[in-house]
C-alpha atoms as a PDB file:
ATOM      1  CA  MET A   1    -123.922 -49.292 156.973  1.00  0.00           C
ATOM      2  CA  VAL A   2    -121.239 -52.299 156.982  1.00  0.00           C
ATOM      3  CA  PRO A   3    -118.738 -51.769 154.358  1.00  0.00           C
ATOM      4  CA  PHE A   4    -117.739 -54.616 152.020  1.00  0.00           C
ATOM      5  CA  ILE A   5    -114.218 -55.900 150.962  1.00  0.00           C
ATOM      6  CA  THR A   6    -114.282 -58.006 147.828  1.00  0.00           C
ATOM      7  CA  LEU A   7    -111.319 -60.243 147.017  1.00  0.00           C
ATOM      8  CA  GLU A   8    -112.283 -62.068 143.542  1.00  0.00           C
ATOM      9  CA  GLU A   9    -112.638 -58.929 141.471  1.00  0.00           C
ATOM     10  CA  HIS A  10    -111.121 -59.188 137.857  1.00  0.00           C
ATOM     11  CA  PHE A  11    -109.862 -56.832 135.287  1.00  0.00           C
ATOM     12  CA  MET A  12    -108.172 -57.619 131.816  1.00  0.00           C
ATOM     13  CA  ALA A  13    -104.902 -55.961 130.430  1.00  0.00           C
ATOM     14  CA  THR A  14    -105.827 -54.184 127.366  1.00  0.00           C
ATOM     15  CA  SER A  15    -103.036 -55.758 125.593  1.00  0.00           C
ATOM     16  CA  MET A  16    -104.306 -59.141 126.544  1.00  0.00           C
ATOM     17  CA  TRP A  17    -107.634 -58.508 125.382  1.00  0.00           C
ATOM     18  CA  ASP A  18    -106.309 -57.274 121.872  1.00  0.00           C
ATOM     19  CA  ALA A  19    -103.931 -60.293 121.755  1.00  0.00           C
ATOM     20  CA  GLY A  20    -107.148 -62.590 121.743  1.00  0.00           C
ATOM     21  CA  GLU A  21    -107.543 -63.609 125.298  1.00  0.00           C
ATOM     22  CA  SER A  22    -111.095 -62.598 125.066  1.00  0.00           C
ATOM     23  CA  ILE A  23    -111.863 -65.668 122.791  1.00  0.00           C
ATOM     24  CA  LYS A  24    -112.114 -67.755 125.827  1.00  0.00           C
ATOM     25  CA  TYR A  25    -115.111 -65.656 127.121  1.00  0.00           C
ATOM     26  CA  SER A  26    -117.235 -66.216 124.099  1.00  0.00           C
ATOM     27  CA  GLU A  27    -120.114 -67.655 126.331  1.00  0.00           C
ATOM     28  CA  GLN A  28    -119.683 -65.019 129.210  1.00  0.00           C
ATOM     29  CA  LEU A  29    -119.998 -62.318 126.476  1.00  0.00           C
ATOM     30  CA  LYS A  30    -123.333 -63.851 125.142  1.00  0.00           C
ATOM     31  CA  PHE A  31    -125.244 -63.627 128.385  1.00  0.00           C
ATOM     32  CA  LEU A  32    -123.206 -60.727 130.176  1.00  0.00           C
ATOM     33  CA  PRO A  33    -122.955 -57.973 127.324  1.00  0.00           C
ATOM     34  CA  LYS A  34    -121.297 -55.444 129.907  1.00  0.00           C
ATOM     35  CA  VAL A  35    -118.471 -57.705 130.730  1.00  0.00           C
ATOM     36  CA  LYS A  36    -115.794 -56.439 128.219  1.00  0.00           C
ATOM     37  CA  GLU A  37    -116.475 -52.802 129.136  1.00  0.00           C
ATOM     38  CA  GLN A  38    -116.096 -53.881 132.839  1.00  0.00           C
ATOM     39  CA  LEU A  39    -113.245 -55.961 132.588  1.00  0.00           C
ATOM     40  CA  LEU A  40    -111.327 -53.200 130.704  1.00  0.00           C
ATOM     41  CA  ASN A  41    -112.349 -50.313 133.047  1.00  0.00           C
ATOM     42  CA  LEU A  42    -110.123 -49.549 136.069  1.00  0.00           C
ATOM     43  CA  ASP A  43    -111.609 -46.053 136.774  1.00  0.00           C
ATOM     44  CA  SER A  44    -115.314 -44.592 136.704  1.00  0.00           C
ATOM     45  CA  LEU A  45    -117.390 -47.318 135.703  1.00  0.00           C
ATOM     46  CA  ARG A  46    -115.781 -49.644 138.326  1.00  0.00           C
ATOM     47  CA  ILE A  47    -115.771 -47.151 140.954  1.00  0.00           C
ATOM     48  CA  GLN A  48    -119.467 -46.310 140.288  1.00  0.00           C
ATOM     49  CA  ASP A  49    -120.493 -50.057 140.288  1.00  0.00           C
ATOM     50  CA  MET A  50    -118.628 -50.258 143.763  1.00  0.00           C
ATOM     51  CA  ASP A  51    -120.239 -47.365 145.372  1.00  0.00           C
ATOM     52  CA  ALA A  52    -123.719 -48.507 144.144  1.00  0.00           C
ATOM     53  CA  ALA A  53    -122.949 -51.971 146.080  1.00  0.00           C
ATOM     54  CA  ASN A  54    -121.308 -50.565 149.137  1.00  0.00           C
ATOM     55  CA  VAL A  55    -117.835 -52.078 148.487  1.00  0.00           C
ATOM     56  CA  ALA A  56    -115.231 -50.056 150.229  1.00  0.00           C
ATOM     57  CA  LEU A  57    -112.292 -51.875 148.959  1.00  0.00           C
ATOM     58  CA  GLN A  58    -112.097 -54.237 145.742  1.00  0.00           C
ATOM     59  CA  VAL A  59    -108.995 -56.540 145.653  1.00  0.00           C
ATOM     60  CA  ILE A  60    -108.297 -56.547 141.892  1.00  0.00           C
ATOM     61  CA  SER A  61    -106.802 -59.420 140.052  1.00  0.00           C
ATOM     62  CA  HIS A  62    -106.563 -60.466 136.344  1.00  0.00           C
ATOM     63  CA  ALA A  63    -109.253 -62.521 134.700  1.00  0.00           C
ATOM     64  CA  PRO A  64    -108.171 -66.153 133.996  1.00  0.00           C
ATOM     65  CA  GLY A  65    -105.674 -67.155 131.367  1.00  0.00           C
ATOM     66  CA  SER A  66    -102.834 -64.678 132.074  1.00  0.00           C
ATOM     67  CA  CYS A  67    -100.830 -67.286 134.127  1.00  0.00           C
ATOM     68  CA  GLY A  68    -100.046 -69.256 131.017  1.00  0.00           C
ATOM     69  CA  LEU A  69     -98.326 -66.247 129.402  1.00  0.00           C
ATOM     70  CA  GLY A  70     -94.738 -65.064 129.850  1.00  0.00           C
ATOM     71  CA  PRO A  71     -92.994 -63.009 132.508  1.00  0.00           C
ATOM     72  CA  THR A  72     -93.253 -59.836 130.300  1.00  0.00           C
ATOM     73  CA  GLU A  73     -96.932 -60.012 129.834  1.00  0.00           C
ATOM     74  CA  ASN A  74     -97.533 -60.849 133.459  1.00  0.00           C
ATOM     75  CA  SER A  75     -95.427 -57.887 134.686  1.00  0.00           C
ATOM     76  CA  ALA A  76     -97.014 -55.446 132.164  1.00  0.00           C
ATOM     77  CA  ALA A  77    -100.584 -56.478 133.482  1.00  0.00           C
ATOM     78  CA  ASN A  78     -99.377 -55.986 137.198  1.00  0.00           C
ATOM     79  CA  ASP A  79     -98.074 -52.629 136.283  1.00  0.00           C
ATOM     80  CA  GLN A  80    -101.149 -51.633 134.650  1.00  0.00           C
ATOM     81  CA  LEU A  81    -103.169 -52.570 137.924  1.00  0.00           C
ATOM     82  CA  ALA A  82    -100.634 -50.923 140.017  1.00  0.00           C
ATOM     83  CA  ASP A  83    -101.282 -47.582 138.190  1.00  0.00           C
ATOM     84  CA  ALA A  84    -105.022 -47.950 138.673  1.00  0.00           C
ATOM     85  CA  ILE A  85    -104.343 -48.688 142.323  1.00  0.00           C
ATOM     86  CA  LYS A  86    -102.231 -45.406 142.637  1.00  0.00           C
ATOM     87  CA  ARG A  87    -105.075 -43.239 140.870  1.00  0.00           C
ATOM     88  CA  HIS A  88    -107.560 -44.696 143.416  1.00  0.00           C
ATOM     89  CA  PRO A  89    -105.950 -44.763 146.704  1.00  0.00           C
ATOM     90  CA  GLY A  90    -107.844 -46.506 149.397  1.00  0.00           C
ATOM     91  CA  ARG A  91    -110.347 -48.114 146.952  1.00  0.00           C
ATOM     92  CA  TYR A  92    -108.220 -50.696 145.304  1.00  0.00           C
ATOM     93  CA  ALA A  93    -105.666 -53.317 146.395  1.00  0.00           C
ATOM     94  CA  GLY A  94    -104.090 -55.926 144.011  1.00  0.00           C
ATOM     95  CA  PHE A  95    -103.342 -59.468 143.648  1.00  0.00           C
ATOM     96  CA  ALA A  96    -100.552 -60.168 141.251  1.00  0.00           C
ATOM     97  CA  THR A  97    -100.896 -62.488 138.060  1.00  0.00           C
ATOM     98  CA  LEU A  98     -97.704 -64.639 137.876  1.00  0.00           C
ATOM     99  CA  PRO A  99     -96.172 -66.545 134.757  1.00  0.00           C
ATOM    100  CA  MET A 100     -96.631 -69.780 136.265  1.00  0.00           C
ATOM    101  CA  LEU A 101     -95.168 -71.828 133.386  1.00  0.00           C
ATOM    102  CA  GLU A 102     -91.881 -70.509 134.521  1.00  0.00           C
ATOM    103  CA  PRO A 103     -92.092 -70.977 138.437  1.00  0.00           C
ATOM    104  CA  THR A 104     -88.663 -69.156 139.161  1.00  0.00           C
ATOM    105  CA  ALA A 105     -89.869 -66.372 137.189  1.00  0.00           C
ATOM    106  CA  ALA A 106     -93.223 -66.357 138.966  1.00  0.00           C
ATOM    107  CA  ALA A 107     -91.668 -66.307 142.243  1.00  0.00           C
ATOM    108  CA  ALA A 108     -89.686 -63.345 141.374  1.00  0.00           C
ATOM    109  CA  GLU A 109     -92.633 -61.558 140.044  1.00  0.00           C
ATOM    110  CA  LEU A 110     -94.550 -62.366 143.404  1.00  0.00           C
ATOM    111  CA  GLU A 111     -91.681 -60.825 145.236  1.00  0.00           C
ATOM    112  CA  ARG A 112     -91.461 -57.688 142.909  1.00  0.00           C
ATOM    113  CA  SER A 113     -95.358 -57.223 143.050  1.00  0.00           C
ATOM    114  CA  VAL A 114     -95.796 -57.223 146.853  1.00  0.00           C
ATOM    115  CA  LYS A 115     -92.390 -55.224 147.732  1.00  0.00           C
ATOM    116  CA  GLN A 116     -92.304 -52.816 144.760  1.00  0.00           C
ATOM    117  CA  LEU A 117     -96.013 -52.463 143.818  1.00  0.00           C
ATOM    118  CA  GLY A 118     -97.454 -52.921 147.120  1.00  0.00           C
ATOM    119  CA  PHE A 119     -99.791 -55.767 146.338  1.00  0.00           C
ATOM    120  CA  VAL A 120    -101.332 -57.960 149.118  1.00  0.00           C
ATOM    121  CA  GLY A 121    -100.714 -61.436 147.315  1.00  0.00           C
ATOM    122  CA  ALA A 122    -101.401 -63.231 144.027  1.00  0.00           C
ATOM    123  CA  LEU A 123    -104.354 -64.918 142.106  1.00  0.00           C
ATOM    124  CA  ILE A 124    -103.125 -67.621 139.892  1.00  0.00           C
ATOM    125  CA  ASP A 125    -104.875 -69.842 137.482  1.00  0.00           C
ATOM    126  CA  ASN A 126    -105.952 -73.316 138.753  1.00  0.00           C
ATOM    127  CA  ASN A 127    -103.782 -74.729 136.208  1.00  0.00           C
ATOM    128  CA  VAL A 128    -101.309 -73.957 133.266  1.00  0.00           C
ATOM    129  CA  LYS A 129    -101.612 -76.007 130.109  1.00  0.00           C
ATOM    130  CA  GLY A 130    -103.248 -78.781 132.040  1.00  0.00           C
ATOM    131  CA  LYS A 131    -100.485 -78.820 134.694  1.00  0.00           C
ATOM    132  CA  PHE A 132    -101.590 -78.487 138.440  1.00  0.00           C
ATOM    133  CA  TYR A 133     -98.863 -77.260 140.990  1.00  0.00           C
ATOM    134  CA  ASP A 134     -98.179 -80.234 143.131  1.00  0.00           C
ATOM    135  CA  GLY A 135     -94.746 -80.802 141.516  1.00  0.00           C
ATOM    136  CA  LYS A 136     -91.764 -79.538 143.217  1.00  0.00           C
ATOM    137  CA  ASP A 137     -90.763 -77.206 140.188  1.00  0.00           C
ATOM    138  CA  PHE A 138     -93.570 -75.079 141.245  1.00  0.00           C
ATOM    139  CA  TRP A 139     -92.874 -75.011 144.833  1.00  0.00           C
ATOM    140  CA  PRO A 140     -90.622 -71.815 144.690  1.00  0.00           C
ATOM    141  CA  VAL A 141     -93.992 -69.848 144.256  1.00  0.00           C
ATOM    142  CA  PHE A 142     -95.429 -71.274 147.571  1.00  0.00           C
ATOM    143  CA  GLU A 143     -91.981 -70.773 149.338  1.00  0.00           C
ATOM    144  CA  MET A 144     -91.963 -66.947 148.165  1.00  0.00           C
ATOM    145  CA  ALA A 145     -95.585 -66.578 149.415  1.00  0.00           C
ATOM    146  CA  GLU A 146     -94.759 -67.896 152.748  1.00  0.00           C
ATOM    147  CA  THR A 147     -91.766 -65.924 153.013  1.00  0.00           C
ATOM    148  CA  LEU A 148     -93.585 -62.550 152.140  1.00  0.00           C
ATOM    149  CA  ASP A 149     -96.524 -63.800 154.375  1.00  0.00           C
ATOM    150  CA  VAL A 150     -99.007 -63.183 151.560  1.00  0.00           C
ATOM    151  CA  PRO A 151    -101.986 -65.491 150.427  1.00  0.00           C
ATOM    152  CA  ILE A 152    -102.045 -67.216 146.895  1.00  0.00           C
ATOM    153  CA  TYR A 153    -105.762 -67.373 145.696  1.00  0.00           C
ATOM    154  CA  LEU A 154    -106.160 -70.256 143.622  1.00  0.00           C
ATOM    155  CA  HIS A 155    -108.745 -69.406 140.774  1.00  0.00           C
ATOM    156  CA  PRO A 156    -110.440 -71.495 138.225  1.00  0.00           C
ATOM    157  CA  ASN A 157    -109.195 -71.531 134.801  1.00  0.00           C
ATOM    158  CA  PHE A 158    -110.467 -72.838 131.560  1.00  0.00           C
ATOM    159  CA  PRO A 159    -109.702 -76.754 130.963  1.00  0.00           C
ATOM    160  CA  ASP A 160    -107.148 -77.768 128.465  1.00  0.00           C
ATOM    161  CA  GLU A 161    -108.095 -79.553 125.286  1.00  0.00           C
ATOM    162  CA  GLN A 162    -107.857 -82.904 126.883  1.00  0.00           C
ATOM    163  CA  LEU A 163    -109.797 -82.115 130.031  1.00  0.00           C
ATOM    164  CA  ALA A 164    -112.383 -80.343 128.034  1.00  0.00           C
ATOM    165  CA  LYS A 165    -113.343 -83.659 126.161  1.00  0.00           C
ATOM    166  CA  HIS A 166    -114.784 -84.917 129.629  1.00  0.00           C
ATOM    167  CA  TYR A 167    -117.454 -82.203 129.075  1.00  0.00           C
ATOM    168  CA  GLN A 168    -118.693 -83.066 125.615  1.00  0.00           C
ATOM    169  CA  GLY A 169    -121.571 -85.224 124.824  1.00  0.00           C
ATOM    170  CA  GLU A 170    -125.042 -85.489 123.527  1.00  0.00           C
ATOM    171  CA  PHE A 171    -125.939 -81.866 124.449  1.00  0.00           C
ATOM    172  CA  SER A 172    -125.103 -78.543 123.262  1.00  0.00           C
ATOM    173  CA  ILE A 173    -121.744 -77.074 122.833  1.00  0.00           C
ATOM    174  CA  GLY A 174    -122.708 -74.368 125.155  1.00  0.00           C
ATOM    175  CA  ALA A 175    -123.956 -76.662 127.898  1.00  0.00           C
ATOM    176  CA  GLY A 176    -120.518 -78.464 127.597  1.00  0.00           C
ATOM    177  CA  ILE A 177    -118.312 -75.359 127.961  1.00  0.00           C
ATOM    178  CA  SER A 178    -120.576 -74.449 131.070  1.00  0.00           C
ATOM    179  CA  MET A 179    -120.224 -77.742 132.594  1.00  0.00           C
ATOM    180  CA  GLY A 180    -116.383 -77.461 132.158  1.00  0.00           C
ATOM    181  CA  THR A 181    -116.146 -74.137 133.661  1.00  0.00           C
ATOM    182  CA  SER A 182    -118.432 -71.990 135.772  1.00  0.00           C
ATOM    183  CA  GLY A 183    -121.162 -74.480 135.584  1.00  0.00           C
ATOM    184  CA  PHE A 184    -119.353 -77.314 137.536  1.00  0.00           C
ATOM    185  CA  GLY A 185    -115.928 -78.373 136.427  1.00  0.00           C
ATOM    186  CA  TRP A 186    -113.941 -75.195 137.666  1.00  0.00           C
ATOM    187  CA  HIS A 187    -114.927 -75.928 141.050  1.00  0.00           C
ATOM    188  CA  SER A 188    -114.376 -79.550 141.214  1.00  0.00           C
ATOM    189  CA  GLU A 189    -110.986 -79.035 139.564  1.00  0.00           C
ATOM    190  CA  CYS A 190    -110.135 -76.469 142.218  1.00  0.00           C
ATOM    191  CA  ALA A 191    -110.998 -78.617 144.844  1.00  0.00           C
ATOM    192  CA  LEU A 192    -108.883 -81.285 143.310  1.00  0.00           C
ATOM    193  CA  HIS A 193    -105.855 -79.079 143.166  1.00  0.00           C
ATOM    194  CA  VAL A 194    -106.045 -78.319 146.905  1.00  0.00           C
ATOM    195  CA  LEU A 195    -106.141 -82.235 147.369  1.00  0.00           C
ATOM    196  CA  ARG A 196    -103.134 -82.573 145.123  1.00  0.00           C
ATOM    197  CA  LEU A 197    -101.158 -80.000 146.951  1.00  0.00           C
ATOM    198  CA  PHE A 198    -101.875 -81.411 150.323  1.00  0.00           C
ATOM    199  CA  ALA A 199    -101.197 -85.146 149.183  1.00  0.00           C
ATOM    200  CA  ALA A 200     -97.694 -83.810 147.552  1.00  0.00           C
ATOM    201  CA  GLY A 201     -96.754 -82.579 151.048  1.00  0.00           C
ATOM    202  CA  VAL A 202     -96.887 -78.844 150.090  1.00  0.00           C
ATOM    203  CA  PHE A 203     -98.538 -77.816 153.421  1.00  0.00           C
ATOM    204  CA  ASP A 204     -96.042 -80.072 155.349  1.00  0.00           C
ATOM    205  CA  ALA A 205     -93.093 -78.148 153.379  1.00  0.00           C
ATOM    206  CA  TYR A 206     -94.709 -74.453 154.212  1.00  0.00           C
ATOM    207  CA  PRO A 207     -96.889 -74.854 156.954  1.00  0.00           C
ATOM    208  CA  LYS A 208     -97.750 -71.009 157.199  1.00  0.00           C
ATOM    209  CA  LEU A 209     -98.821 -71.103 153.592  1.00  0.00           C
ATOM    210  CA  LYS A 210    -101.842 -69.228 153.028  1.00  0.00           C
ATOM    211  CA  ILE A 211    -104.375 -70.450 150.039  1.00  0.00           C
ATOM    212  CA  ILE A 212    -107.634 -68.926 149.476  1.00  0.00           C
ATOM    213  CA  VAL A 213    -110.160 -70.563 147.351  1.00  0.00           C
ATOM    214  CA  GLY A 214    -113.449 -69.067 146.127  1.00  0.00           C
ATOM    215  CA  HIS A 215    -117.246 -69.965 145.288  1.00  0.00           C
ATOM    216  CA  PHE A 216    -117.868 -71.258 148.615  1.00  0.00           C
ATOM    217  CA  GLY A 217    -114.802 -73.319 149.197  1.00  0.00           C
ATOM    218  CA  GLU A 218    -114.698 -74.829 145.717  1.00  0.00           C
ATOM    219  CA  MET A 219    -116.797 -77.934 147.125  1.00  0.00           C
ATOM    220  CA  LEU A 220    -114.360 -78.677 150.016  1.00  0.00           C
ATOM    221  CA  PRO A 221    -116.611 -77.682 152.935  1.00  0.00           C
ATOM    222  CA  PHE A 222    -119.346 -80.222 151.690  1.00  0.00           C
ATOM    223  CA  MET A 223    -116.994 -82.914 151.398  1.00  0.00           C
ATOM    224  CA  LEU A 224    -114.616 -82.088 154.360  1.00  0.00           C
ATOM    225  CA  GLY A 225    -115.553 -85.153 156.772  1.00  0.00           C
ATOM    226  CA  ARG A 226    -115.050 -87.795 154.039  1.00  0.00           C
ATOM    227  CA  ILE A 227    -111.684 -86.107 152.935  1.00  0.00           C
ATOM    228  CA  ALA A 228    -110.576 -85.881 156.484  1.00  0.00           C
ATOM    229  CA  GLN A 229    -111.575 -89.549 157.008  1.00  0.00           C
ATOM    230  CA  LEU A 230    -110.069 -91.031 153.748  1.00  0.00           C
ATOM    231  CA  SER A 231    -106.969 -88.793 153.232  1.00  0.00           C
ATOM    232  CA  VAL A 232    -105.064 -90.533 155.966  1.00  0.00           C
ATOM    233  CA  ARG A 233    -104.454 -93.163 153.282  1.00  0.00           C
ATOM    234  CA  TRP A 234    -102.661 -90.843 150.991  1.00  0.00           C
ATOM    235  CA  GLY A 235     -99.014 -91.477 152.309  1.00  0.00           C
ATOM    236  CA  GLU A 236     -96.639 -90.095 155.201  1.00  0.00           C
ATOM    237  CA  ILE A 237     -98.158 -86.610 155.515  1.00  0.00           C
ATOM    238  CA  LYS A 238     -97.448 -85.139 158.926  1.00  0.00           C
ATOM    239  CA  ARG A 239    -100.220 -82.482 159.007  1.00  0.00           C
ATOM    240  CA  LYS A 240    -103.761 -83.999 158.654  1.00  0.00           C
ATOM    241  CA  PHE A 241    -106.076 -82.677 156.346  1.00  0.00           C
ATOM    242  CA  ARG A 242    -108.551 -81.220 158.860  1.00  0.00           C
ATOM    243  CA  GLN A 243    -105.519 -79.257 160.433  1.00  0.00           C
ATOM    244  CA  VAL A 244    -104.514 -77.910 157.000  1.00  0.00           C
ATOM    245  CA  TYR A 245    -108.021 -76.832 156.308  1.00  0.00           C
ATOM    246  CA  ASP A 246    -108.378 -74.873 159.677  1.00  0.00           C
ATOM    247  CA  GLU A 247    -104.854 -73.600 159.436  1.00  0.00           C
ATOM    248  CA  ASN A 248    -103.829 -72.876 155.898  1.00  0.00           C
ATOM    249  CA  ILE A 249    -107.186 -72.542 153.801  1.00  0.00           C
ATOM    250  CA  TRP A 250    -109.461 -69.339 153.627  1.00  0.00           C
ATOM    251  CA  ILE A 251    -112.654 -69.538 151.406  1.00  0.00           C
ATOM    252  CA  THR A 252    -114.751 -66.523 149.968  1.00  0.00           C
ATOM    253  CA  LEU A 253    -118.413 -66.534 149.015  1.00  0.00           C
ATOM    254  CA  SER A 254    -117.859 -65.227 145.393  1.00  0.00           C
ATOM    255  CA  GLY A 255    -120.603 -66.247 142.764  1.00  0.00           C
ATOM    256  CA  VAL A 256    -122.772 -68.427 144.760  1.00  0.00           C
ATOM    257  CA  TRP A 257    -125.897 -66.539 145.757  1.00  0.00           C
ATOM    258  CA  SER A 258    -127.862 -69.071 148.160  1.00  0.00           C
ATOM    259  CA  VAL A 259    -127.676 -68.746 151.872  1.00  0.00           C
ATOM    260  CA  ASP A 260    -128.399 -72.603 152.114  1.00  0.00           C
ATOM    261  CA  PRO A 261    -124.997 -73.795 151.771  1.00  0.00           C
ATOM    262  CA  MET A 262    -123.792 -71.515 154.738  1.00  0.00           C
ATOM    263  CA  ALA A 263    -125.385 -73.874 157.147  1.00  0.00           C
ATOM    264  CA  CYS A 264    -122.594 -76.282 156.255  1.00  0.00           C
ATOM    265  CA  ILE A 265    -119.868 -73.863 156.109  1.00  0.00           C
ATOM    266  CA  LEU A 266    -120.655 -72.084 159.357  1.00  0.00           C
ATOM    267  CA  ARG A 267    -120.580 -75.421 161.174  1.00  0.00           C
ATOM    268  CA  ASN A 268    -117.277 -76.866 159.794  1.00  0.00           C
ATOM    269  CA  THR A 269    -115.217 -73.726 158.597  1.00  0.00           C
ATOM    270  CA  LYS A 270    -113.850 -71.217 161.353  1.00  0.00           C
ATOM    271  CA  ILE A 271    -115.680 -67.791 161.047  1.00  0.00           C
ATOM    272  CA  GLU A 272    -112.477 -65.971 160.649  1.00  0.00           C
ATOM    273  CA  ARG A 273    -111.670 -67.938 157.248  1.00  0.00           C
ATOM    274  CA  ILE A 274    -114.812 -66.802 155.565  1.00  0.00           C
ATOM    275  CA  LEU A 275    -114.755 -63.905 153.397  1.00  0.00           C
ATOM    276  CA  TYR A 276    -117.321 -61.982 151.291  1.00  0.00           C
ATOM    277  CA  SER A 277    -116.490 -61.584 147.546  1.00  0.00           C
ATOM    278  CA  VAL A 278    -118.608 -61.065 144.405  1.00  0.00           C
ATOM    279  CA  ASP A 279    -116.535 -62.094 141.268  1.00  0.00           C
ATOM    280  CA  TYR A 280    -117.221 -58.877 139.367  1.00  0.00           C
ATOM    281  CA  PRO A 281    -117.789 -58.265 136.456  1.00  0.00           C
ATOM    282  CA  PHE A 282    -118.885 -62.021 135.969  1.00  0.00           C
ATOM    283  CA  ALA A 283    -121.202 -61.681 138.851  1.00  0.00           C
ATOM    284  CA  ASP A 284    -123.151 -58.574 139.584  1.00  0.00           C
ATOM    285  CA  ASN A 285    -122.260 -56.558 142.796  1.00  0.00           C
ATOM    286  CA  GLN A 286    -125.902 -56.211 143.492  1.00  0.00           C
ATOM    287  CA  TRP A 287    -126.325 -60.062 143.527  1.00  0.00           C
ATOM    288  CA  GLY A 288    -123.741 -59.808 146.143  1.00  0.00           C
ATOM    289  CA  VAL A 289    -125.715 -57.098 148.321  1.00  0.00           C
ATOM    290  CA  GLU A 290    -128.929 -59.288 147.966  1.00  0.00           C
ATOM    291  CA  PHE A 291    -127.220 -62.326 149.248  1.00  0.00           C
ATOM    292  CA  MET A 292    -125.534 -60.358 152.196  1.00  0.00           C
ATOM    293  CA  ASN A 293    -128.761 -59.124 153.018  1.00  0.00           C
ATOM    294  CA  ASP A 294    -130.238 -62.478 152.993  1.00  0.00           C
ATOM    295  CA  LEU A 295    -127.554 -63.943 155.058  1.00  0.00           C
ATOM    296  CA  GLN A 296    -128.018 -61.256 157.637  1.00  0.00           C
ATOM    297  CA  GLN A 297    -131.656 -61.965 157.966  1.00  0.00           C
ATOM    298  CA  SER A 298    -131.247 -65.703 158.007  1.00  0.00           C
ATOM    299  CA  GLY A 299    -130.432 -66.138 161.756  1.00  0.00           C
ATOM    300  CA  LEU A 300    -127.492 -68.218 160.958  1.00  0.00           C
ATOM    301  CA  VAL A 301    -124.979 -65.325 161.794  1.00  0.00           C
ATOM    302  CA  SER A 302    -124.764 -62.967 164.705  1.00  0.00           C
ATOM    303  CA  GLU A 303    -123.900 -59.200 163.811  1.00  0.00           C
ATOM    304  CA  GLU A 304    -120.606 -59.727 164.918  1.00  0.00           C
ATOM    305  CA  GLN A 305    -119.979 -62.787 162.503  1.00  0.00           C
ATOM    306  CA  TYR A 306    -121.638 -60.621 159.700  1.00  0.00           C
ATOM    307  CA  GLN A 307    -119.178 -58.061 159.952  1.00  0.00           C
ATOM    308  CA  LYS A 308    -116.193 -60.687 160.110  1.00  0.00           C
ATOM    309  CA  ILE A 309    -117.578 -61.927 157.063  1.00  0.00           C
ATOM    310  CA  ALA A 310    -118.091 -58.735 155.178  1.00  0.00           C
ATOM    311  CA  PHE A 311    -114.742 -57.005 155.784  1.00  0.00           C
ATOM    312  CA  GLU A 312    -113.161 -57.682 159.271  1.00  0.00           C
ATOM    313  CA  ASN A 313    -111.621 -61.000 157.985  1.00  0.00           C
ATOM    314  CA  ALA A 314    -110.157 -59.470 154.772  1.00  0.00           C
ATOM    315  CA  GLU A 315    -108.636 -56.827 156.874  1.00  0.00           C
ATOM    316  CA  ALA A 316    -106.851 -59.084 158.912  1.00  0.00           C
ATOM    317  CA  LEU A 317    -105.743 -61.679 156.174  1.00  0.00           C
ATOM    318  CA  LEU A 318    -104.700 -58.779 153.795  1.00  0.00           C
ATOM    319  CA  ARG A 319    -103.526 -56.162 156.138  1.00  0.00           C
ATOM    320  CA  VAL A 320    -105.899 -53.593 154.388  1.00  0.00           C
ATOM    321  CA  LYS A 321    -108.402 -51.158 155.706  1.00  0.00           C
ATOM    322  CA  ALA A 322    -112.085 -50.560 154.450  1.00  0.00           C
ATOM    323  CA  LYS A 323    -112.840 -46.950 154.695  1.00  0.00           C
ATOM    324  CA  LYS A 324    -116.364 -46.599 156.465  1.00  0.00           C
END
């Protein structure tokens, strides 16, 4: 049986849950009653859920919201995750959470997490307090990631108060929250963030920077042709967007359980840049299994391509190994 490596899999530090971070997840908790237990568990329950879905290795990261907190809180969360990785060797790897409101401290924490804790990169919120990372004060984080040769996973985050107003209207509060987060807004905002980094020259400054985006590429593959055509108007950028997409961007298949979009992705995205993921515990590992079965039977991919998506591409990018 082909093993899986998953890259967008979350936990929450107990201290952050107790401090009130859980309030942001009120809508998810209504519909996913097991989420709290799964987020807080880094041992038997998580391993049990992995084994039931043939997940050989889970790359774990903190749930959204932590990057808006300080260095002490982020370091403590990373230390908690590192302890869990030690308890379950070969089953977990780690993406660091970083205090992005303090970019110099964030770069230092990335270095510590990789060199001392053995993490394989970082997963950071798409924005902190409404700020994206195209400003040069944030660039030390990208410089450190390039120096360490590890990826930054740019993950959706809850909209700030100003942005949230765009998702309010003549419909239920719950509908607005969903539209602004996992129902749509998260994904368009992540795509926008990648475009902002490109327009600001981040990929010219750090040509070997590795960025991962989830959820079938956060809409980018489906707008790729138009972006490539129109982004030539965005200023003196040396490396065109299509080159950046091919050389600096990886996408995961987290949380989107339809084979249909794969017909587009497989035509415009290098197979080596496509990685399986789930988005546990906000998505069920079994949904991922069903999707991968559908993909395997769809005729869209060969067996060699299927295995690349399932685990081999993650092994190459993160320098990890799935136990078969």
